[in-house]
Amino acid sequence: MKKLIAVTIASAALWLSSPTLSNDIDTSSDYQQQLPAVNINHADAETIADRLSGIGLVKAQAIVDYRQQHGPFRSLEELTMVTGIGEALLDKNRAYLSL
C-alpha cells in the first residue's frame, strides 16, 4: 500500500512539472504582452479595467473622469494625479500603456 501511494505521488509530481502542461498555462503578463497598449486618452473604463493589472472598474472610471475634467493626459506620469493610482501601480502597467 505504501508503495502504491509513493508511486501515485511521484506520478502526480512528474505530471505537474511537465513542460507541456506549464507551457499551456497563460499568465496575465503574457496575455497583456500579446495585446496592443491601452491608450489612456481614448480607452473606456471597461477596457482599462480589463487590460491593466491592479486596476478595477472604480479606478478605471476615475481615470476616465480625470481625463474628462482635465483633458488628455500629457504624460503617463500624470496618471498618478488620479486618486488611487500611485507610482508602483503606474510602474506595474507602464509597458501596457500609451498616450
Foldseek 3Di string as FASTA:
>chain_A
DVVVVVVVVVVVVCVVPDPVVVVPDDDLVNVLVVDAADELQDDQLVCCQVRAPPDHSVQSNQSVVCCVVPPGDPDLCCSCVRPPDHPVSSVRCVVRYDD
